[in-house]
Amino acid sequence: MSDDPQNEPLFDGDDEANTPLAPEERDGLIPSYITLRRELNEAEQVNIDKGDRWAFNPRARHDVLTEDFIRALHKRMYGDVWRWAGDFRATARNIGVEAWKIGPDFRVLLDDTKFWIERQTYPPDEIAIRFHHRLVAIHPFPNGNGRCSRLAADLLIQKLGQPRFTWGSANLVAIAETRRAYVAALQAADRGDIGPLLAFARS
């Protein structure tokens, strides 16, 4: 077996860049040629790039802070690869809220974010990063939560008049060191310290 985890058979071993999928979720894989983790990552990246172009189409008028839009964004990012793209998960995870709480917690997050914007509770970067962190913490989808949440935060910060975030200026799936820094920043935010995540988003 290769020492490169990207060349491991699909779903074998641990992949720190992705949430493990339940058996019924694995059955949602669309491309039949994919047998290696590297092939899955490549197919997902092509799909994510398409979703990015859709999201940032200058002629589009997206309402980022709606459930319908976040579901549509996830589907645009993953719908060529996974049948469940855009659907909230129905299975338990070692991260995120219980499945039955996803809808209610999601709506609270959207309402909170609108309140922060209306009242200028935080500076724009902090509003978008708090939104991102809470969305990751809910973990609404079977997989792709971090990438979808980062793209949603990028859209939100642009609507708040600021440039997109750089998120460590690296592919967080491919560059393990940058991903570890991102995860550490998320964990600090879990403990109530949003500072490292704010800094990472602009690094």
N, C-alpha and C. Protein backbone atom coordinates (compact mmCIF):
# COMPACT_ATOMS: atom_id res chain seq x y z
N MET A 1 0.84 -1.20 0.00
CA MET A 1 0.00 0.00 0.00
C MET A 1 0.87 1.25 0.00
N SER A 2 0.46 2.26 -0.71
CA SER A 2 1.21 3.51 -0.80
C SER A 2 1.23 4.23 0.53
N ASP A 3 2.34 4.96 0.79
CA ASP A 3 2.42 5.79 1.99
C ASP A 3 1.59 7.06 1.84
N ASP A 4 1.18 7.36 0.62
CA ASP A 4 0.36 8.54 0.37
C ASP A 4 -1.11 8.20 0.61
N PRO A 5 -1.74 8.81 1.65
CA PRO A 5 -3.14 8.46 1.92
C PRO A 5 -4.07 8.78 0.76
N GLN A 6 -3.65 9.69 -0.14
CA GLN A 6 -4.51 10.02 -1.27
C GLN A 6 -4.62 8.86 -2.26
N ASN A 7 -3.67 7.91 -2.20
CA ASN A 7 -3.71 6.76 -3.09
C ASN A 7 -4.33 5.54 -2.43
N GLU A 8 -4.90 5.71 -1.24
CA GLU A 8 -5.57 4.61 -0.57
C GLU A 8 -6.92 4.34 -1.22
N PRO A 9 -7.38 3.09 -1.13
CA PRO A 9 -8.74 2.80 -1.63
C PRO A 9 -9.76 3.69 -0.93
N LEU A 10 -10.79 4.02 -1.67
CA LEU A 10 -11.85 4.89 -1.16
C LEU A 10 -12.44 4.31 0.12
N PHE A 11 -12.61 5.18 1.13
CA PHE A 11 -13.24 4.86 2.41
C PHE A 11 -12.38 3.99 3.32
N ASP A 12 -11.14 3.61 2.89
CA ASP A 12 -10.25 2.86 3.77
C ASP A 12 -9.45 3.81 4.63
N GLY A 13 -9.17 3.42 5.87
CA GLY A 13 -8.32 4.20 6.74
C GLY A 13 -8.96 5.49 7.19
N ASP A 14 -8.16 6.33 7.84
CA ASP A 14 -8.64 7.61 8.34
C ASP A 14 -8.29 8.70 7.36
N ASP A 15 -9.23 9.59 7.15
CA ASP A 15 -9.00 10.76 6.29
C ASP A 15 -9.37 11.98 7.11
N GLU A 16 -8.36 12.68 7.63
CA GLU A 16 -8.63 13.80 8.54
C GLU A 16 -9.29 14.98 7.83
N ALA A 17 -9.29 14.96 6.50
CA ALA A 17 -9.88 16.08 5.76
C ALA A 17 -11.38 15.91 5.52
N ASN A 18 -11.92 14.74 5.84
CA ASN A 18 -13.33 14.49 5.55
C ASN A 18 -14.00 13.78 6.72
N THR A 19 -15.28 14.06 6.90
CA THR A 19 -16.07 13.38 7.90
C THR A 19 -16.39 11.98 7.40
N PRO A 20 -16.19 10.93 8.23
CA PRO A 20 -16.55 9.57 7.77
C PRO A 20 -18.03 9.49 7.41
N LEU A 21 -18.31 8.77 6.34
CA LEU A 21 -19.68 8.63 5.85
C LEU A 21 -20.30 7.33 6.34
N ALA A 22 -21.61 7.37 6.58
CA ALA A 22 -22.36 6.16 6.89
C ALA A 22 -22.49 5.32 5.62
N PRO A 23 -22.69 4.00 5.76
CA PRO A 23 -22.78 3.13 4.57
C PRO A 23 -23.81 3.62 3.55
N GLU A 24 -24.98 4.07 4.01
CA GLU A 24 -25.99 4.52 3.06
C GLU A 24 -25.58 5.81 2.35
N GLU A 25 -24.72 6.61 3.01
CA GLU A 25 -24.21 7.82 2.37
C GLU A 25 -23.14 7.49 1.34
N ARG A 26 -22.32 6.48 1.61
CA ARG A 26 -21.33 6.05 0.64
C ARG A 26 -21.99 5.57 -0.65
N ASP A 27 -23.17 4.99 -0.52
CA ASP A 27 -23.90 4.51 -1.69
C ASP A 27 -24.37 5.66 -2.58
N GLY A 28 -24.27 6.89 -2.08
CA GLY A 28 -24.68 8.05 -2.87
C GLY A 28 -23.64 8.54 -3.85
N LEU A 29 -22.50 7.87 -3.94
CA LEU A 29 -21.45 8.29 -4.87
C LEU A 29 -21.92 8.10 -6.31
N ILE A 30 -21.80 9.13 -7.13
CA ILE A 30 -22.32 9.07 -8.50
C ILE A 30 -21.30 8.53 -9.50
N PRO A 31 -20.06 9.08 -9.59
CA PRO A 31 -19.12 8.57 -10.62
C PRO A 31 -18.66 7.14 -10.29
N SER A 32 -18.89 6.22 -11.20
CA SER A 32 -18.57 4.82 -10.94
C SER A 32 -17.08 4.52 -11.06
N TYR A 33 -16.32 5.42 -11.69
CA TYR A 33 -14.88 5.16 -11.88
C TYR A 33 -14.06 5.40 -10.61
N ILE A 34 -14.63 6.07 -9.62
CA ILE A 34 -13.85 6.47 -8.45
C ILE A 34 -13.62 5.28 -7.53
N THR A 35 -12.34 4.94 -7.33
CA THR A 35 -11.97 3.87 -6.40
C THR A 35 -10.91 4.31 -5.39
N LEU A 36 -10.25 5.44 -5.64
CA LEU A 36 -9.19 5.94 -4.77
C LEU A 36 -9.60 7.27 -4.16
N ARG A 37 -9.10 7.55 -2.98
CA ARG A 37 -9.38 8.82 -2.31
C ARG A 37 -8.94 10.00 -3.17
N ARG A 38 -7.80 9.85 -3.84
CA ARG A 38 -7.31 10.92 -4.72
C ARG A 38 -8.32 11.23 -5.83
N GLU A 39 -8.91 10.19 -6.40
CA GLU A 39 -9.89 10.39 -7.46
C GLU A 39 -11.13 11.10 -6.94
N LEU A 40 -11.54 10.76 -5.73
CA LEU A 40 -12.69 11.43 -5.13
C LEU A 40 -12.37 12.91 -4.89
N ASN A 41 -11.20 13.19 -4.32
CA ASN A 41 -10.82 14.58 -4.06
C ASN A 41 -10.76 15.39 -5.34
N GLU A 42 -10.24 14.78 -6.42
CA GLU A 42 -10.15 15.48 -7.69
C GLU A 42 -11.54 15.77 -8.26
N ALA A 43 -12.43 14.78 -8.20
CA ALA A 43 -13.79 14.97 -8.72
C ALA A 43 -14.53 16.03 -7.91
N GLU A 44 -14.36 15.98 -6.58
CA GLU A 44 -15.01 16.98 -5.74
C GLU A 44 -14.48 18.37 -6.03
N GLN A 45 -13.15 18.49 -6.26
CA GLN A 45 -12.58 19.82 -6.50
C GLN A 45 -13.10 20.42 -7.79
N VAL A 46 -13.26 19.60 -8.83
CA VAL A 46 -13.84 20.10 -10.08
C VAL A 46 -15.25 20.60 -9.84
N ASN A 47 -16.03 19.84 -9.07
CA ASN A 47 -17.40 20.23 -8.76
C ASN A 47 -17.43 21.49 -7.89
N ILE A 48 -16.54 21.58 -6.90
CA ILE A 48 -16.47 22.75 -6.03
C ILE A 48 -16.14 24.00 -6.85
N ASP A 49 -15.23 23.87 -7.81
CA ASP A 49 -14.88 25.01 -8.66
C ASP A 49 -16.10 25.49 -9.45
N LYS A 50 -16.92 24.55 -9.93
CA LYS A 50 -18.16 24.93 -10.62
C LYS A 50 -19.10 25.66 -9.67
N GLY A 51 -19.20 25.15 -8.43
CA GLY A 51 -20.04 25.80 -7.44
C GLY A 51 -19.56 27.20 -7.11
N ASP A 52 -18.24 27.38 -7.05
CA ASP A 52 -17.67 28.69 -6.78
C ASP A 52 -18.03 29.67 -7.88
N ARG A 53 -17.92 29.24 -9.13
CA ARG A 53 -18.24 30.12 -10.26
C ARG A 53 -19.72 30.51 -10.23
N TRP A 54 -20.59 29.55 -9.89
CA TRP A 54 -22.02 29.85 -9.77
C TRP A 54 -22.27 30.85 -8.65
N ALA A 55 -21.63 30.62 -7.50
CA ALA A 55 -21.87 31.47 -6.33
C ALA A 55 -21.42 32.90 -6.57
N PHE A 56 -20.29 33.08 -7.27
CA PHE A 56 -19.72 34.41 -7.45
C PHE A 56 -19.98 34.98 -8.84
N ASN A 57 -20.96 34.45 -9.53
CA ASN A 57 -21.38 35.03 -10.79
C ASN A 57 -21.83 36.47 -10.53
N PRO A 58 -21.19 37.45 -11.15
CA PRO A 58 -21.52 38.85 -10.84
C PRO A 58 -22.96 39.23 -11.16
N ARG A 59 -23.62 38.44 -12.01
CA ARG A 59 -25.02 38.74 -12.33
C ARG A 59 -26.00 38.12 -11.34
N ALA A 60 -25.49 37.24 -10.48
CA ALA A 60 -26.37 36.55 -9.53
C ALA A 60 -26.70 37.46 -8.35
N ARG A 61 -27.87 37.25 -7.79
CA ARG A 61 -28.30 37.99 -6.60
C ARG A 61 -28.73 36.98 -5.55
N HIS A 62 -27.74 36.44 -4.84
CA HIS A 62 -28.01 35.39 -3.86
C HIS A 62 -28.37 35.99 -2.51
N ASP A 63 -29.33 35.40 -1.85
CA ASP A 63 -29.63 35.73 -0.46
C ASP A 63 -28.94 34.69 0.40
N VAL A 64 -27.72 35.00 0.83
CA VAL A 64 -26.87 34.01 1.50
C VAL A 64 -27.51 33.49 2.78
N LEU A 65 -28.20 34.33 3.51
CA LEU A 65 -28.69 33.95 4.83
C LEU A 65 -30.08 33.34 4.77
N THR A 66 -30.21 32.29 3.94
CA THR A 66 -31.43 31.49 3.90
C THR A 66 -31.04 30.02 3.83
N GLU A 67 -31.90 29.18 4.37
CA GLU A 67 -31.65 27.75 4.31
C GLU A 67 -31.64 27.27 2.86
N ASP A 68 -32.57 27.76 2.05
CA ASP A 68 -32.64 27.34 0.65
C ASP A 68 -31.34 27.63 -0.08
N PHE A 69 -30.74 28.81 0.20
CA PHE A 69 -29.50 29.13 -0.51
C PHE A 69 -28.35 28.23 -0.06
N ILE A 70 -28.19 28.01 1.23
CA ILE A 70 -27.08 27.17 1.70
C ILE A 70 -27.22 25.75 1.17
N ARG A 71 -28.44 25.24 1.13
CA ARG A 71 -28.67 23.91 0.52
C ARG A 71 -28.30 23.93 -0.96
N ALA A 72 -28.73 24.97 -1.67
CA ALA A 72 -28.43 25.08 -3.10
C ALA A 72 -26.93 25.20 -3.34
N LEU A 73 -26.23 25.95 -2.48
CA LEU A 73 -24.79 26.10 -2.59
C LEU A 73 -24.10 24.74 -2.44
N HIS A 74 -24.47 23.98 -1.41
CA HIS A 74 -23.88 22.67 -1.20
C HIS A 74 -24.16 21.76 -2.40
N LYS A 75 -25.37 21.82 -2.93
CA LYS A 75 -25.71 20.98 -4.10
C LYS A 75 -24.89 21.39 -5.32
N ARG A 76 -24.68 22.68 -5.52
CA ARG A 76 -23.85 23.14 -6.63
C ARG A 76 -22.40 22.70 -6.47
N MET A 77 -21.94 22.59 -5.24
CA MET A 77 -20.55 22.22 -4.97
C MET A 77 -20.31 20.71 -5.06
N TYR A 78 -21.34 19.91 -4.79
CA TYR A 78 -21.15 18.46 -4.68
C TYR A 78 -22.12 17.62 -5.50
N GLY A 79 -23.08 18.24 -6.19
CA GLY A 79 -24.15 17.50 -6.84
C GLY A 79 -23.73 16.62 -8.00
N ASP A 80 -22.54 16.85 -8.59
CA ASP A 80 -22.05 15.97 -9.64
C ASP A 80 -21.40 14.72 -9.07
N VAL A 81 -21.13 14.72 -7.76
CA VAL A 81 -20.38 13.62 -7.13
C VAL A 81 -21.25 12.81 -6.17
N TRP A 82 -22.14 13.47 -5.45
CA TRP A 82 -22.94 12.81 -4.41
C TRP A 82 -24.44 13.06 -4.62
N ARG A 83 -25.23 12.01 -4.56
CA ARG A 83 -26.68 12.14 -4.72
C ARG A 83 -27.31 12.92 -3.58
N TRP A 84 -26.69 12.88 -2.40
CA TRP A 84 -27.28 13.55 -1.24
C TRP A 84 -26.83 15.02 -1.13
N ALA A 85 -26.12 15.52 -2.09
CA ALA A 85 -25.66 16.92 -2.02
C ALA A 85 -26.86 17.85 -1.84
N GLY A 86 -26.75 18.76 -0.89
CA GLY A 86 -27.81 19.71 -0.60
C GLY A 86 -28.83 19.22 0.41
N ASP A 87 -28.74 17.95 0.80
CA ASP A 87 -29.67 17.40 1.80
C ASP A 87 -29.02 17.39 3.17
N PHE A 88 -29.77 17.78 4.19
CA PHE A 88 -29.25 17.68 5.55
C PHE A 88 -29.06 16.20 5.90
N ARG A 89 -28.03 15.94 6.69
CA ARG A 89 -27.75 14.56 7.09
C ARG A 89 -28.84 14.04 8.04
N ALA A 90 -29.01 12.73 8.03
CA ALA A 90 -29.97 12.08 8.92
C ALA A 90 -29.27 11.11 9.85
N THR A 91 -27.93 11.13 9.84
CA THR A 91 -27.14 10.20 10.64
C THR A 91 -26.31 10.96 11.67
N ALA A 92 -25.93 10.24 12.73
CA ALA A 92 -25.14 10.83 13.81
C ALA A 92 -23.69 11.01 13.37
N ARG A 93 -23.00 11.96 13.99
CA ARG A 93 -21.59 12.23 13.75
C ARG A 93 -20.89 12.43 15.09
N ASN A 94 -19.55 12.32 15.06
CA ASN A 94 -18.79 12.66 16.27
C ASN A 94 -18.53 14.16 16.33
N ILE A 95 -19.04 14.89 15.35
CA ILE A 95 -18.98 16.34 15.33
C ILE A 95 -20.33 16.84 14.86
N GLY A 96 -20.74 17.98 15.36
CA GLY A 96 -22.01 18.54 14.93
C GLY A 96 -23.15 18.18 15.88
N VAL A 97 -24.27 18.82 15.67
CA VAL A 97 -25.43 18.59 16.52
C VAL A 97 -26.13 17.30 16.10
N GLU A 98 -27.03 16.83 16.94
CA GLU A 98 -27.83 15.68 16.57
C GLU A 98 -28.65 16.02 15.33
N ALA A 99 -28.92 15.00 14.51
CA ALA A 99 -29.55 15.25 13.22
C ALA A 99 -30.88 15.99 13.35
N TRP A 100 -31.65 15.67 14.37
CA TRP A 100 -32.97 16.31 14.50
C TRP A 100 -32.86 17.79 14.87
N LYS A 101 -31.70 18.22 15.35
CA LYS A 101 -31.51 19.61 15.74
C LYS A 101 -30.98 20.49 14.60
N ILE A 102 -30.62 19.89 13.47
CA ILE A 102 -30.00 20.65 12.40
C ILE A 102 -30.90 21.79 11.94
N GLY A 103 -32.15 21.48 11.61
CA GLY A 103 -33.07 22.51 11.12
C GLY A 103 -33.27 23.65 12.09
N PRO A 104 -33.64 23.36 13.35
CA PRO A 104 -33.84 24.44 14.32
C PRO A 104 -32.57 25.25 14.58
N ASP A 105 -31.42 24.58 14.75
CA ASP A 105 -30.18 25.31 15.02
C ASP A 105 -29.76 26.15 13.82
N PHE A 106 -30.03 25.65 12.63
CA PHE A 106 -29.71 26.38 11.41
C PHE A 106 -30.50 27.68 11.35
N ARG A 107 -31.79 27.59 11.65
CA ARG A 107 -32.64 28.79 11.60
C ARG A 107 -32.22 29.80 12.66
N VAL A 108 -31.82 29.33 13.84
CA VAL A 108 -31.33 30.25 14.88
C VAL A 108 -30.06 30.95 14.40
N LEU A 109 -29.15 30.21 13.77
CA LEU A 109 -27.93 30.82 13.25
C LEU A 109 -28.24 31.91 12.22
N LEU A 110 -29.15 31.64 11.30
CA LEU A 110 -29.48 32.63 10.29
C LEU A 110 -30.07 33.88 10.94
N ASP A 111 -30.96 33.68 11.90
CA ASP A 111 -31.56 34.83 12.61
C ASP A 111 -30.51 35.61 13.39
N ASP A 112 -29.61 34.90 14.06
CA ASP A 112 -28.55 35.57 14.83
C ASP A 112 -27.67 36.40 13.91
N THR A 113 -27.30 35.83 12.76
CA THR A 113 -26.40 36.54 11.85
C THR A 113 -27.07 37.79 11.30
N LYS A 114 -28.35 37.69 10.95
CA LYS A 114 -29.08 38.88 10.49
C LYS A 114 -29.12 39.96 11.59
N PHE A 115 -29.29 39.52 12.83
CA PHE A 115 -29.31 40.46 13.95
C PHE A 115 -27.94 41.14 14.10
N TRP A 116 -26.85 40.36 14.01
CA TRP A 116 -25.50 40.94 14.13
C TRP A 116 -25.27 42.00 13.05
N ILE A 117 -25.75 41.72 11.83
CA ILE A 117 -25.57 42.67 10.73
C ILE A 117 -26.39 43.93 10.99
N GLU A 118 -27.65 43.75 11.35
CA GLU A 118 -28.55 44.88 11.56
C GLU A 118 -28.06 45.78 12.68
N ARG A 119 -27.59 45.16 13.77
CA ARG A 119 -27.16 45.93 14.94
C ARG A 119 -25.67 46.24 14.94
N GLN A 120 -24.96 45.77 13.93
CA GLN A 120 -23.50 45.95 13.86
C GLN A 120 -22.84 45.49 15.16
N THR A 121 -23.27 44.31 15.58
CA THR A 121 -22.78 43.73 16.84
C THR A 121 -21.27 43.50 16.81
N TYR A 122 -20.76 43.09 15.66
CA TYR A 122 -19.33 42.82 15.47
C TYR A 122 -18.88 43.49 14.17
N PRO A 123 -17.57 43.66 13.98
CA PRO A 123 -17.07 44.11 12.67
C PRO A 123 -17.43 43.08 11.59
N PRO A 124 -17.42 43.49 10.32
CA PRO A 124 -17.83 42.57 9.25
C PRO A 124 -17.09 41.23 9.25
N ASP A 125 -15.76 41.26 9.37
CA ASP A 125 -15.02 39.99 9.36
C ASP A 125 -15.50 39.07 10.47
N GLU A 126 -15.72 39.61 11.63
CA GLU A 126 -16.12 38.77 12.76
C GLU A 126 -17.52 38.21 12.57
N ILE A 127 -18.42 38.99 11.98
CA ILE A 127 -19.76 38.47 11.69
C ILE A 127 -19.65 37.25 10.77
N ALA A 128 -18.90 37.39 9.69
CA ALA A 128 -18.79 36.29 8.72
C ALA A 128 -18.09 35.08 9.32
N ILE A 129 -17.08 35.31 10.15
CA ILE A 129 -16.34 34.19 10.74
C ILE A 129 -17.17 33.51 11.84
N ARG A 130 -17.90 34.27 12.61
CA ARG A 130 -18.80 33.64 13.59
C ARG A 130 -19.88 32.82 12.88
N PHE A 131 -20.40 33.34 11.78
CA PHE A 131 -21.35 32.58 10.97
C PHE A 131 -20.72 31.28 10.48
N HIS A 132 -19.52 31.38 9.93
CA HIS A 132 -18.80 30.20 9.45
C HIS A 132 -18.61 29.17 10.56
N HIS A 133 -18.13 29.63 11.71
CA HIS A 133 -17.84 28.71 12.81
C HIS A 133 -19.10 27.99 13.28
N ARG A 134 -20.19 28.73 13.43
CA ARG A 134 -21.44 28.11 13.89
C ARG A 134 -21.98 27.12 12.86
N LEU A 135 -21.83 27.44 11.57
CA LEU A 135 -22.30 26.53 10.53
C LEU A 135 -21.49 25.23 10.54
N VAL A 136 -20.18 25.34 10.70
CA VAL A 136 -19.34 24.14 10.82
C VAL A 136 -19.74 23.34 12.06
N ALA A 137 -20.01 24.03 13.16
CA ALA A 137 -20.36 23.34 14.40
C ALA A 137 -21.68 22.58 14.27
N ILE A 138 -22.63 23.12 13.52
CA ILE A 138 -23.89 22.41 13.28
C ILE A 138 -23.63 21.18 12.41
N HIS A 139 -22.75 21.32 11.41
CA HIS A 139 -22.36 20.22 10.52
C HIS A 139 -23.59 19.63 9.83
N PRO A 140 -24.30 20.45 9.05
CA PRO A 140 -25.60 20.01 8.56
C PRO A 140 -25.58 18.92 7.49
N PHE A 141 -24.48 18.81 6.74
CA PHE A 141 -24.46 17.89 5.60
C PHE A 141 -23.62 16.65 5.91
N PRO A 142 -23.82 15.56 5.17
CA PRO A 142 -23.00 14.37 5.42
C PRO A 142 -21.51 14.63 5.29
N ASN A 143 -21.12 15.50 4.35
CA ASN A 143 -19.70 15.84 4.16
C ASN A 143 -19.64 17.17 3.43
N GLY A 144 -18.44 17.75 3.37
CA GLY A 144 -18.26 19.01 2.68
C GLY A 144 -18.68 20.22 3.49
N ASN A 145 -18.84 20.07 4.80
CA ASN A 145 -19.32 21.17 5.63
C ASN A 145 -18.32 22.31 5.73
N GLY A 146 -17.06 21.99 5.90
CA GLY A 146 -16.05 23.05 6.01
C GLY A 146 -15.94 23.85 4.74
N ARG A 147 -15.87 23.16 3.61
CA ARG A 147 -15.71 23.85 2.33
C ARG A 147 -16.94 24.68 1.99
N CYS A 148 -18.13 24.12 2.23
CA CYS A 148 -19.35 24.88 1.98
C CYS A 148 -19.45 26.09 2.91
N SER A 149 -19.10 25.90 4.17
CA SER A 149 -19.18 26.99 5.14
C SER A 149 -18.18 28.10 4.83
N ARG A 150 -17.00 27.74 4.34
CA ARG A 150 -16.02 28.75 3.96
C ARG A 150 -16.50 29.55 2.76
N LEU A 151 -17.08 28.87 1.78
CA LEU A 151 -17.59 29.57 0.61
C LEU A 151 -18.76 30.48 0.99
N ALA A 152 -19.62 30.00 1.88
CA ALA A 152 -20.74 30.83 2.34
C ALA A 152 -20.22 32.07 3.08
N ALA A 153 -19.19 31.89 3.89
CA ALA A 153 -18.60 33.04 4.60
C ALA A 153 -17.97 34.02 3.62
N ASP A 154 -17.35 33.50 2.55
CA ASP A 154 -16.78 34.38 1.53
C ASP A 154 -17.88 35.22 0.87
N LEU A 155 -18.99 34.59 0.56
CA LEU A 155 -20.11 35.32 -0.02
C LEU A 155 -20.64 36.38 0.94
N LEU A 156 -20.76 36.00 2.20
CA LEU A 156 -21.29 36.93 3.19
C LEU A 156 -20.37 38.13 3.37
N ILE A 157 -19.06 37.89 3.47
CA ILE A 157 -18.16 39.00 3.71
C ILE A 157 -18.13 39.95 2.51
N GLN A 158 -18.29 39.42 1.31
CA GLN A 158 -18.37 40.31 0.15
C GLN A 158 -19.64 41.16 0.21
N LYS A 159 -20.74 40.58 0.63
CA LYS A 159 -21.99 41.34 0.76
C LYS A 159 -21.87 42.41 1.85
N LEU A 160 -20.93 42.18 2.79
CA LEU A 160 -20.69 43.17 3.84
C LEU A 160 -19.61 44.17 3.42
N GLY A 161 -19.20 44.11 2.16
CA GLY A 161 -18.31 45.13 1.61
C GLY A 161 -16.82 44.88 1.77
N GLN A 162 -16.44 43.63 2.11
CA GLN A 162 -15.04 43.31 2.31
C GLN A 162 -14.60 42.23 1.32
N PRO A 163 -13.29 42.08 1.08
CA PRO A 163 -12.82 41.06 0.14
C PRO A 163 -12.96 39.65 0.70
N ARG A 164 -12.94 38.68 -0.20
CA ARG A 164 -13.00 37.27 0.20
C ARG A 164 -11.88 36.92 1.17
N PHE A 165 -12.12 35.92 1.97
CA PHE A 165 -11.09 35.41 2.88
C PHE A 165 -10.09 34.56 2.09
N THR A 166 -8.90 34.40 2.65
CA THR A 166 -7.86 33.60 2.00
C THR A 166 -7.69 32.22 2.62
N TRP A 167 -8.17 32.04 3.85
CA TRP A 167 -8.18 30.72 4.50
C TRP A 167 -6.83 30.02 4.44
N GLY A 168 -5.78 30.72 4.84
CA GLY A 168 -4.46 30.11 4.87
C GLY A 168 -3.79 30.04 3.52
N SER A 169 -4.44 30.55 2.49
CA SER A 169 -3.88 30.61 1.14
C SER A 169 -3.43 29.24 0.63
N ALA A 170 -4.20 28.20 0.96
CA ALA A 170 -3.84 26.84 0.54
C ALA A 170 -5.09 25.99 0.43
N ASN A 171 -4.97 24.89 -0.32
CA ASN A 171 -6.03 23.89 -0.39
C ASN A 171 -6.02 23.10 0.92
N LEU A 172 -7.06 23.25 1.71
CA LEU A 172 -7.05 22.65 3.04
C LEU A 172 -7.22 21.14 3.01
N VAL A 173 -7.65 20.58 1.88
CA VAL A 173 -7.69 19.13 1.76
C VAL A 173 -6.31 18.59 1.45
N ALA A 174 -5.57 19.30 0.58
CA ALA A 174 -4.28 18.80 0.10
C ALA A 174 -3.12 19.13 1.03
N ILE A 175 -3.18 20.24 1.74
CA ILE A 175 -2.05 20.69 2.55
C ILE A 175 -2.35 20.42 4.03
N ALA A 176 -1.76 19.36 4.56
CA ALA A 176 -2.10 18.89 5.90
C ALA A 176 -1.75 19.92 6.97
N GLU A 177 -0.61 20.59 6.84
CA GLU A 177 -0.18 21.55 7.87
C GLU A 177 -1.16 22.72 7.97
N THR A 178 -1.62 23.20 6.81
CA THR A 178 -2.58 24.31 6.81
C THR A 178 -3.91 23.85 7.39
N ARG A 179 -4.31 22.62 7.06
CA ARG A 179 -5.56 22.10 7.59
C ARG A 179 -5.49 21.99 9.12
N ARG A 180 -4.34 21.54 9.63
CA ARG A 180 -4.20 21.43 11.09
C ARG A 180 -4.33 22.79 11.76
N ALA A 181 -3.77 23.83 11.13
CA ALA A 181 -3.90 25.18 11.67
C ALA A 181 -5.35 25.63 11.67
N TYR A 182 -6.07 25.29 10.62
CA TYR A 182 -7.50 25.63 10.52
C TYR A 182 -8.31 24.92 11.60
N VAL A 183 -8.06 23.63 11.77
CA VAL A 183 -8.79 22.85 12.79
C VAL A 183 -8.49 23.39 14.18
N ALA A 184 -7.22 23.74 14.44
CA ALA A 184 -6.86 24.31 15.75
C ALA A 184 -7.58 25.62 15.98
N ALA A 185 -7.73 26.43 14.93
CA ALA A 185 -8.45 27.71 15.05
C ALA A 185 -9.94 27.46 15.32
N LEU A 186 -10.53 26.47 14.65
CA LEU A 186 -11.92 26.11 14.94
C LEU A 186 -12.08 25.65 16.38
N GLN A 187 -11.15 24.86 16.86
CA GLN A 187 -11.22 24.36 18.24
C GLN A 187 -11.09 25.50 19.24
N ALA A 188 -10.27 26.49 18.94
CA ALA A 188 -10.17 27.66 19.81
C ALA A 188 -11.51 28.40 19.83
N ALA A 189 -12.15 28.52 18.67
CA ALA A 189 -13.46 29.16 18.61
C ALA A 189 -14.49 28.37 19.40
N ASP A 190 -14.38 27.06 19.37
CA ASP A 190 -15.28 26.21 20.19
C ASP A 190 -15.16 26.57 21.67
N ARG A 191 -13.96 26.97 22.07
CA ARG A 191 -13.70 27.33 23.48
C ARG A 191 -14.01 28.80 23.76
N GLY A 192 -14.49 29.52 22.76
CA GLY A 192 -14.88 30.92 22.95
C GLY A 192 -13.87 31.94 22.49
N ASP A 193 -12.75 31.49 21.92
CA ASP A 193 -11.73 32.42 21.43
C ASP A 193 -11.79 32.47 19.90
N ILE A 194 -12.44 33.48 19.35
CA ILE A 194 -12.62 33.59 17.90
C ILE A 194 -11.38 34.15 17.21
N GLY A 195 -10.42 34.70 17.98
CA GLY A 195 -9.26 35.38 17.43
C GLY A 195 -8.44 34.54 16.45
N PRO A 196 -8.04 33.31 16.81
CA PRO A 196 -7.24 32.51 15.86
C PRO A 196 -7.96 32.23 14.54
N LEU A 197 -9.27 32.03 14.58
CA LEU A 197 -9.99 31.77 13.34
C LEU A 197 -10.08 33.03 12.49
N LEU A 198 -10.28 34.17 13.12
CA LEU A 198 -10.25 35.45 12.40
C LEU A 198 -8.90 35.66 11.72
N ALA A 199 -7.83 35.38 12.45
CA ALA A 199 -6.49 35.56 11.88
C ALA A 199 -6.24 34.57 10.76
N PHE A 200 -6.64 33.30 10.94
CA PHE A 200 -6.41 32.29 9.92
C PHE A 200 -7.15 32.65 8.63
N ALA A 201 -8.37 33.14 8.76
CA ALA A 201 -9.20 33.44 7.58
C ALA A 201 -8.55 34.50 6.69
N ARG A 202 -7.73 35.37 7.27
CA ARG A 202 -7.06 36.42 6.51
C ARG A 202 -5.58 36.12 6.27
N SER A 203 -5.14 34.90 6.60
CA SER A 203 -3.72 34.56 6.43
C SER A 203 -3.46 33.99 5.04
